[in-house]
PDB file of N, CA and C in Angstrom:
ATOM      1  N   UNK A   1     -63.333 -29.790  74.940  1.00  0.00           N
ATOM      2  CA  UNK A   1     -64.583 -29.168  74.079  1.00  0.00           C
ATOM      3  C   UNK A   1     -65.135 -30.392  73.147  1.00  0.00           C
ATOM      4  N   UNK A   2     -66.301 -30.576  73.256  1.00  0.00           N
ATOM      5  CA  UNK A   2     -66.837 -31.804  72.210  1.00  0.00           C
ATOM      6  C   UNK A   2     -66.779 -31.072  70.886  1.00  0.00           C
ATOM      7  N   UNK A   3     -66.607 -32.231  70.111  1.00  0.00           N
ATOM      8  CA  UNK A   3     -66.702 -31.883  68.489  1.00  0.00           C
ATOM      9  C   UNK A   3     -68.292 -31.759  68.031  1.00  0.00           C
ATOM     10  N   UNK A   4     -68.617 -30.712  67.686  1.00  0.00           N
ATOM     11  CA  UNK A   4     -70.057 -30.372  67.320  1.00  0.00           C
ATOM     12  C   UNK A   4     -70.172 -31.316  65.935  1.00  0.00           C
ATOM     13  N   UNK A   5     -69.260 -31.729  65.483  1.00  0.00           N
ATOM     14  CA  UNK A   5     -69.553 -32.476  64.004  1.00  0.00           C
ATOM     15  C   UNK A   5     -69.043 -33.924  64.256  1.00  0.00           C
ATOM     16  N   UNK A   6     -69.405 -34.157  65.219  1.00  0.00           N
ATOM     17  CA  UNK A   6     -69.058 -35.829  65.861  1.00  0.00           C
ATOM     18  C   UNK A   6     -69.861 -36.869  64.840  1.00  0.00           C
ATOM     19  N   UNK A   7     -71.216 -36.607  64.877  1.00  0.00           N
ATOM     20  CA  UNK A   7     -72.188 -37.358  64.021  1.00  0.00           C
ATOM     21  C   UNK A   7     -71.911 -37.311  62.487  1.00  0.00           C
ATOM     22  N   UNK A   8     -71.522 -36.303  62.088  1.00  0.00           N
ATOM     23  CA  UNK A   8     -70.986 -35.905  60.725  1.00  0.00           C
ATOM     24  C   UNK A   8     -69.851 -36.661  60.392  1.00  0.00           C
ATOM     25  N   UNK A   9     -68.898 -36.813  61.152  1.00  0.00           N
ATOM     26  CA  UNK A   9     -67.603 -37.462  61.086  1.00  0.00           C
ATOM     27  C   UNK A   9     -67.985 -39.045  61.162  1.00  0.00           C
ATOM     28  N   UNK A  10     -68.635 -39.424  62.159  1.00  0.00           N
ATOM     29  CA  UNK A  10     -69.034 -40.870  62.213  1.00  0.00           C
ATOM     30  C   UNK A  10     -69.735 -41.416  61.049  1.00  0.00           C
ATOM     31  N   UNK A  11     -70.885 -40.577  60.533  1.00  0.00           N
ATOM     32  CA  UNK A  11     -71.527 -40.853  59.278  1.00  0.00           C
ATOM     33  C   UNK A  11     -70.443 -41.067  58.031  1.00  0.00           C
ATOM     34  N   UNK A  12     -69.647 -40.434  58.071  1.00  0.00           N
ATOM     35  CA  UNK A  12     -68.577 -40.368  56.948  1.00  0.00           C
ATOM     36  C   UNK A  12     -67.530 -41.668  57.101  1.00  0.00           C
ATOM     37  N   UNK A  13     -67.260 -41.826  58.326  1.00  0.00           N
ATOM     38  CA  UNK A  13     -66.375 -43.098  58.436  1.00  0.00           C
ATOM     39  C   UNK A  13     -66.890 -44.294  58.512  1.00  0.00           C
ATOM     40  N   UNK A  14     -68.177 -44.355  59.059  1.00  0.00           N
ATOM     41  CA  UNK A  14     -68.979 -45.547  58.627  1.00  0.00           C
ATOM     42  C   UNK A  14     -69.288 -46.023  57.362  1.00  0.00           C
ATOM     43  N   UNK A  15     -69.454 -45.127  56.331  1.00  0.00           N
ATOM     44  CA  UNK A  15     -69.752 -45.209  54.903  1.00  0.00           C
ATOM     45  C   UNK A  15     -68.663 -45.340  54.252  1.00  0.00           C
ATOM     46  N   UNK A  16     -67.475 -44.960  54.711  1.00  0.00           N
ATOM     47  CA  UNK A  16     -66.206 -44.640  53.966  1.00  0.00           C
ATOM     48  C   UNK A  16     -66.318 -43.274  53.056  1.00  0.00           C
ATOM     49  N   UNK A  17     -66.859 -42.466  53.371  1.00  0.00           N
ATOM     50  CA  UNK A  17     -66.975 -41.209  52.687  1.00  0.00           C
ATOM     51  C   UNK A  17     -66.004 -40.363  52.984  1.00  0.00           C
ATOM     52  N   UNK A  18     -65.382 -39.656  52.171  1.00  0.00           N
ATOM     53  CA  UNK A  18     -64.385 -38.577  52.027  1.00  0.00           C
ATOM     54  C   UNK A  18     -64.848 -37.229  51.539  1.00  0.00           C
ATOM     55  N   UNK A  19     -64.506 -36.086  52.095  1.00  0.00           N
ATOM     56  CA  UNK A  19     -64.879 -34.940  51.389  1.00  0.00           C
ATOM     57  C   UNK A  19     -63.790 -34.560  50.259  1.00  0.00           C
ATOM     58  N   UNK A  20     -64.206 -34.062  49.126  1.00  0.00           N
ATOM     59  CA  UNK A  20     -63.464 -33.636  48.078  1.00  0.00           C
ATOM     60  C   UNK A  20     -62.577 -32.581  48.450  1.00  0.00           C
ATOM     61  N   UNK A  21     -61.302 -32.476  47.892  1.00  0.00           N
ATOM     62  CA  UNK A  21     -60.349 -31.404  48.589  1.00  0.00           C
ATOM     63  C   UNK A  21     -60.872 -30.086  47.777  1.00  0.00           C
ATOM     64  N   UNK A  22     -60.578 -29.015  48.231  1.00  0.00           N
ATOM     65  CA  UNK A  22     -60.846 -27.688  47.711  1.00  0.00           C
ATOM     66  C   UNK A  22     -59.610 -26.684  48.181  1.00  0.00           C
ATOM     67  N   UNK A  23     -59.388 -25.953  47.202  1.00  0.00           N
ATOM     68  CA  UNK A  23     -58.225 -24.965  47.505  1.00  0.00           C
ATOM     69  C   UNK A  23     -58.852 -23.898  48.678  1.00  0.00           C
ATOM     70  N   UNK A  24     -58.034 -23.357  49.280  1.00  0.00           N
ATOM     71  CA  UNK A  24     -58.055 -22.194  50.352  1.00  0.00           C
ATOM     72  C   UNK A  24     -59.265 -21.195  49.924  1.00  0.00           C
ATOM     73  N   UNK A  25     -59.233 -20.694  48.697  1.00  0.00           N
ATOM     74  CA  UNK A  25     -60.091 -19.836  48.269  1.00  0.00           C
ATOM     75  C   UNK A  25     -61.698 -20.226  48.487  1.00  0.00           C
ATOM     76  N   UNK A  26     -61.776 -21.345  47.923  1.00  0.00           N
ATOM     77  CA  UNK A  26     -63.060 -22.016  48.039  1.00  0.00           C
ATOM     78  C   UNK A  26     -63.626 -22.257  49.410  1.00  0.00           C
ATOM     79  N   UNK A  27     -62.863 -22.333  50.550  1.00  0.00           N
ATOM     80  CA  UNK A  27     -63.071 -22.617  51.912  1.00  0.00           C
ATOM     81  C   UNK A  27     -63.298 -21.328  52.505  1.00  0.00           C
ATOM     82  N   UNK A  28     -63.321 -20.226  52.038  1.00  0.00           N
ATOM     83  CA  UNK A  28     -63.507 -18.974  52.738  1.00  0.00           C
ATOM     84  C   UNK A  28     -64.985 -18.967  53.136  1.00  0.00           C
ATOM     85  N   UNK A  29     -65.243 -18.401  54.412  1.00  0.00           N
ATOM     86  CA  UNK A  29     -66.503 -18.291  54.675  1.00  0.00           C
ATOM     87  C   UNK A  29     -67.680 -18.210  53.712  1.00  0.00           C
ATOM     88  N   UNK A  30     -67.875 -16.886  53.126  1.00  0.00           N
ATOM     89  CA  UNK A  30     -68.852 -16.419  52.365  1.00  0.00           C
ATOM     90  C   UNK A  30     -68.854 -17.245  50.988  1.00  0.00           C
ATOM     91  N   UNK A  31     -67.718 -17.609  50.519  1.00  0.00           N
ATOM     92  CA  UNK A  31     -67.608 -18.371  49.239  1.00  0.00           C
ATOM     93  C   UNK A  31     -68.228 -19.855  49.593  1.00  0.00           C
ATOM     94  N   UNK A  32     -67.775 -20.579  50.715  1.00  0.00           N
ATOM     95  CA  UNK A  32     -68.178 -21.938  50.929  1.00  0.00           C
ATOM     96  C   UNK A  32     -69.877 -22.117  51.291  1.00  0.00           C
ATOM     97  N   UNK A  33     -70.304 -20.923  51.724  1.00  0.00           N
ATOM     98  CA  UNK A  33     -71.680 -20.926  52.002  1.00  0.00           C
ATOM     99  C   UNK A  33     -72.471 -21.032  50.763  1.00  0.00           C
ATOM    100  N   UNK A  34     -72.070 -20.075  49.919  1.00  0.00           N
ATOM    101  CA  UNK A  34     -72.777 -19.854  48.443  1.00  0.00           C
ATOM    102  C   UNK A  34     -72.552 -21.187  47.798  1.00  0.00           C
ATOM    103  N   UNK A  35     -71.475 -21.904  47.646  1.00  0.00           N
ATOM    104  CA  UNK A  35     -71.142 -22.997  47.208  1.00  0.00           C
ATOM    105  C   UNK A  35     -71.959 -24.360  47.696  1.00  0.00           C
ATOM    106  N   UNK A  36     -72.264 -24.093  49.037  1.00  0.00           N
ATOM    107  CA  UNK A  36     -73.289 -25.364  49.703  1.00  0.00           C
ATOM    108  C   UNK A  36     -74.312 -25.071  49.333  1.00  0.00           C
ATOM    109  N   UNK A  37     -75.008 -23.843  49.256  1.00  0.00           N
ATOM    110  CA  UNK A  37     -76.236 -23.522  49.146  1.00  0.00           C
ATOM    111  C   UNK A  37     -76.521 -23.930  47.494  1.00  0.00           C
ATOM    112  N   UNK A  38     -75.851 -23.719  46.747  1.00  0.00           N
ATOM    113  CA  UNK A  38     -75.965 -24.124  45.185  1.00  0.00           C
ATOM    114  C   UNK A  38     -75.770 -25.563  45.018  1.00  0.00           C
ATOM    115  N   UNK A  39     -74.955 -26.199  45.727  1.00  0.00           N
ATOM    116  CA  UNK A  39     -74.647 -27.758  45.512  1.00  0.00           C
ATOM    117  C   UNK A  39     -76.058 -28.287  46.246  1.00  0.00           C
ATOM    118  N   UNK A  40     -76.449 -27.907  47.136  1.00  0.00           N
ATOM    119  CA  UNK A  40     -77.691 -28.576  47.817  1.00  0.00           C
ATOM    120  C   UNK A  40     -78.931 -28.290  46.937  1.00  0.00           C
ATOM    121  N   UNK A  41     -79.149 -27.101  46.390  1.00  0.00           N
ATOM    122  CA  UNK A  41     -80.188 -26.922  45.288  1.00  0.00           C
ATOM    123  C   UNK A  41     -79.894 -27.966  44.070  1.00  0.00           C
ATOM    124  N   UNK A  42     -78.704 -28.311  43.646  1.00  0.00           N
ATOM    125  CA  UNK A  42     -78.497 -29.096  42.537  1.00  0.00           C
ATOM    126  C   UNK A  42     -78.827 -30.558  43.027  1.00  0.00           C
ATOM    127  N   UNK A  43     -78.360 -30.922  44.062  1.00  0.00           N
ATOM    128  CA  UNK A  43     -78.540 -32.119  44.877  1.00  0.00           C
ATOM    129  C   UNK A  43     -80.165 -32.489  44.977  1.00  0.00           C
ATOM    130  N   UNK A  44     -80.972 -31.611  45.286  1.00  0.00           N
ATOM    131  CA  UNK A  44     -82.337 -31.810  45.604  1.00  0.00           C
ATOM    132  C   UNK A  44     -82.936 -31.986  44.064  1.00  0.00           C
ATOM    133  N   UNK A  45     -82.564 -31.266  42.959  1.00  0.00           N
ATOM    134  CA  UNK A  45     -83.000 -31.832  41.738  1.00  0.00           C
ATOM    135  C   UNK A  45     -82.722 -32.907  41.335  1.00  0.00           C
ATOM    136  N   UNK A  46     -81.379 -33.311  41.481  1.00  0.00           N
ATOM    137  CA  UNK A  46     -80.962 -34.679  41.237  1.00  0.00           C
ATOM    138  C   UNK A  46     -81.721 -35.766  42.028  1.00  0.00           C
ATOM    139  N   UNK A  47     -81.744 -35.743  43.111  1.00  0.00           N
ATOM    140  CA  UNK A  47     -82.377 -36.793  44.082  1.00  0.00           C
ATOM    141  C   UNK A  47     -83.931 -36.710  43.477  1.00  0.00           C
ATOM    142  N   UNK A  48     -84.570 -35.804  43.152  1.00  0.00           N
ATOM    143  CA  UNK A  48     -86.141 -35.801  42.700  1.00  0.00           C
ATOM    144  C   UNK A  48     -86.338 -36.487  41.744  1.00  0.00           C
ATOM    145  N   UNK A  49     -85.239 -36.594  40.783  1.00  0.00           N
ATOM    146  CA  UNK A  49     -85.396 -37.403  39.406  1.00  0.00           C
ATOM    147  C   UNK A  49     -84.944 -38.542  39.596  1.00  0.00           C
ATOM    148  N   UNK A  50     -84.239 -38.916  40.503  1.00  0.00           N
ATOM    149  CA  UNK A  50     -83.844 -40.367  40.866  1.00  0.00           C
ATOM    150  C   UNK A  50     -84.951 -40.944  41.623  1.00  0.00           C
ATOM    151  N   UNK A  51     -85.602 -40.345  42.442  1.00  0.00           N
ATOM    152  CA  UNK A  51     -86.663 -40.823  43.251  1.00  0.00           C
ATOM    153  C   UNK A  51     -87.746 -41.046  42.630  1.00  0.00           C
ATOM    154  N   UNK A  52     -88.014 -40.422  41.509  1.00  0.00           N
ATOM    155  CA  UNK A  52     -89.082 -40.448  40.610  1.00  0.00           C
ATOM    156  C   UNK A  52     -89.139 -41.805  40.043  1.00  0.00           C
ATOM    157  N   UNK A  53     -87.558 -42.318  39.727  1.00  0.00           N
ATOM    158  CA  UNK A  53     -87.519 -43.448  38.912  1.00  0.00           C
ATOM    159  C   UNK A  53     -87.338 -44.822  40.182  1.00  0.00           C
ATOM    160  N   UNK A  54     -87.616 -44.278  41.348  1.00  0.00           N
ATOM    161  CA  UNK A  54     -87.634 -45.335  42.407  1.00  0.00           C
ATOM    162  C   UNK A  54     -86.357 -45.733  43.119  1.00  0.00           C
ATOM    163  N   UNK A  55     -85.519 -44.920  42.923  1.00  0.00           N
ATOM    164  CA  UNK A  55     -84.344 -45.206  43.685  1.00  0.00           C
ATOM    165  C   UNK A  55     -84.009 -44.299  44.891  1.00  0.00           C
ATOM    166  N   UNK A  56     -83.344 -44.885  45.951  1.00  0.00           N
ATOM    167  CA  UNK A  56     -83.118 -44.120  46.962  1.00  0.00           C
ATOM    168  C   UNK A  56     -81.817 -43.578  47.309  1.00  0.00           C
ATOM    169  N   UNK A  57     -81.704 -42.188  47.369  1.00  0.00           N
ATOM    170  CA  UNK A  57     -80.324 -41.648  47.645  1.00  0.00           C
ATOM    171  C   UNK A  57     -79.553 -42.184  48.991  1.00  0.00           C
ATOM    172  N   UNK A  58     -78.302 -42.383  48.747  1.00  0.00           N
ATOM    173  CA  UNK A  58     -77.395 -42.774  49.881  1.00  0.00           C
ATOM    174  C   UNK A  58     -77.384 -41.846  50.981  1.00  0.00           C
ATOM    175  N   UNK A  59     -77.310 -40.370  50.702  1.00  0.00           N
ATOM    176  CA  UNK A  59     -77.157 -39.721  51.927  1.00  0.00           C
ATOM    177  C   UNK A  59     -75.669 -38.835  51.618  1.00  0.00           C
ATOM    178  N   UNK A  60     -74.901 -39.311  50.882  1.00  0.00           N
ATOM    179  CA  UNK A  60     -73.658 -38.649  50.542  1.00  0.00           C
ATOM    180  C   UNK A  60     -73.840 -37.355  50.088  1.00  0.00           C
ATOM    181  N   UNK A  61     -75.021 -37.204  49.107  1.00  0.00           N
ATOM    182  CA  UNK A  61     -75.516 -36.026  48.617  1.00  0.00           C
ATOM    183  C   UNK A  61     -75.624 -34.884  49.558  1.00  0.00           C
ATOM    184  N   UNK A  62     -75.994 -35.231  50.917  1.00  0.00           N
ATOM    185  CA  UNK A  62     -76.314 -34.299  51.863  1.00  0.00           C
ATOM    186  C   UNK A  62     -75.257 -34.018  52.802  1.00  0.00           C
ATOM    187  N   UNK A  63     -74.278 -35.009  52.692  1.00  0.00           N
ATOM    188  CA  UNK A  63     -73.117 -35.004  53.790  1.00  0.00           C
ATOM    189  C   UNK A  63     -72.153 -33.953  53.255  1.00  0.00           C
ATOM    190  N   UNK A  64     -72.076 -34.202  52.058  1.00  0.00           N
ATOM    191  CA  UNK A  64     -71.005 -33.199  51.507  1.00  0.00           C
ATOM    192  C   UNK A  64     -71.357 -31.654  51.503  1.00  0.00           C
ATOM    193  N   UNK A  65     -72.433 -31.286  51.250  1.00  0.00           N
ATOM    194  CA  UNK A  65     -72.850 -29.797  51.439  1.00  0.00           C
ATOM    195  C   UNK A  65     -72.708 -29.411  52.877  1.00  0.00           C
ATOM    196  N   UNK A  66     -72.892 -30.128  53.793  1.00  0.00           N
ATOM    197  CA  UNK A  66     -72.853 -30.074  55.083  1.00  0.00           C
ATOM    198  C   UNK A  66     -71.456 -29.709  55.466  1.00  0.00           C
ATOM    199  N   UNK A  67     -70.548 -30.463  55.099  1.00  0.00           N
ATOM    200  CA  UNK A  67     -68.958 -30.445  55.337  1.00  0.00           C
ATOM    201  C   UNK A  67     -68.791 -28.991  54.456  1.00  0.00           C
ATOM    202  N   UNK A  68     -69.139 -28.690  53.442  1.00  0.00           N
ATOM    203  CA  UNK A  68     -68.672 -27.544  52.710  1.00  0.00           C
ATOM    204  C   UNK A  68     -69.074 -26.420  53.519  1.00  0.00           C
ATOM    205  N   UNK A  69     -70.385 -26.283  53.939  1.00  0.00           N
ATOM    206  CA  UNK A  69     -71.046 -25.248  54.762  1.00  0.00           C
ATOM    207  C   UNK A  69     -70.161 -24.847  56.313  1.00  0.00           C
ATOM    208  N   UNK A  70     -69.500 -25.926  56.536  1.00  0.00           N
ATOM    209  CA  UNK A  70     -68.895 -25.974  58.078  1.00  0.00           C
ATOM    210  C   UNK A  70     -67.521 -26.030  57.625  1.00  0.00           C
ATOM    211  N   UNK A  71     -66.874 -25.855  56.488  1.00  0.00           N
ATOM    212  CA  UNK A  71     -65.478 -25.568  56.142  1.00  0.00           C
ATOM    213  C   UNK A  71     -64.613 -26.843  56.545  1.00  0.00           C
ATOM    214  N   UNK A  72     -65.388 -28.103  56.355  1.00  0.00           N
ATOM    215  CA  UNK A  72     -64.585 -29.293  56.834  1.00  0.00           C
ATOM    216  C   UNK A  72     -64.016 -29.952  55.406  1.00  0.00           C
ATOM    217  N   UNK A  73     -63.815 -29.184  54.417  1.00  0.00           N
ATOM    218  CA  UNK A  73     -63.086 -29.994  53.397  1.00  0.00           C
ATOM    219  C   UNK A  73     -61.780 -30.179  53.569  1.00  0.00           C
ATOM    220  N   UNK A  74     -61.341 -31.097  52.762  1.00  0.00           N
ATOM    221  CA  UNK A  74     -59.728 -31.293  52.884  1.00  0.00           C
ATOM    222  C   UNK A  74     -58.919 -30.406  52.191  1.00  0.00           C
ATOM    223  N   UNK A  75     -57.877 -30.072  52.620  1.00  0.00           N
ATOM    224  CA  UNK A  75     -57.172 -28.955  51.969  1.00  0.00           C
ATOM    225  C   UNK A  75     -56.542 -29.423  50.722  1.00  0.00           C
ATOM    226  N   UNK A  76     -56.330 -28.614  49.598  1.00  0.00           N
ATOM    227  CA  UNK A  76     -55.971 -29.138  48.172  1.00  0.00           C
ATOM    228  C   UNK A  76     -54.151 -28.862  48.125  1.00  0.00           C
TER     229      UNK A  76
END
């Protein structure tokens, strides 16, 4: 069976990114989906601010919500 998150894992390995740990309660499906949506909304606001200043985001800000959405966080 192919790993459907292979590209996500490769991006993390290439950049040296690691998912922040989360307790098991925060990794439950409904809770993690709400967390990912909320985080992505905050990331977009943050990136808009920095892009207006001429800076380019690294991609980590979108890599983490993807991992949260799919339950790929490290256990705490």
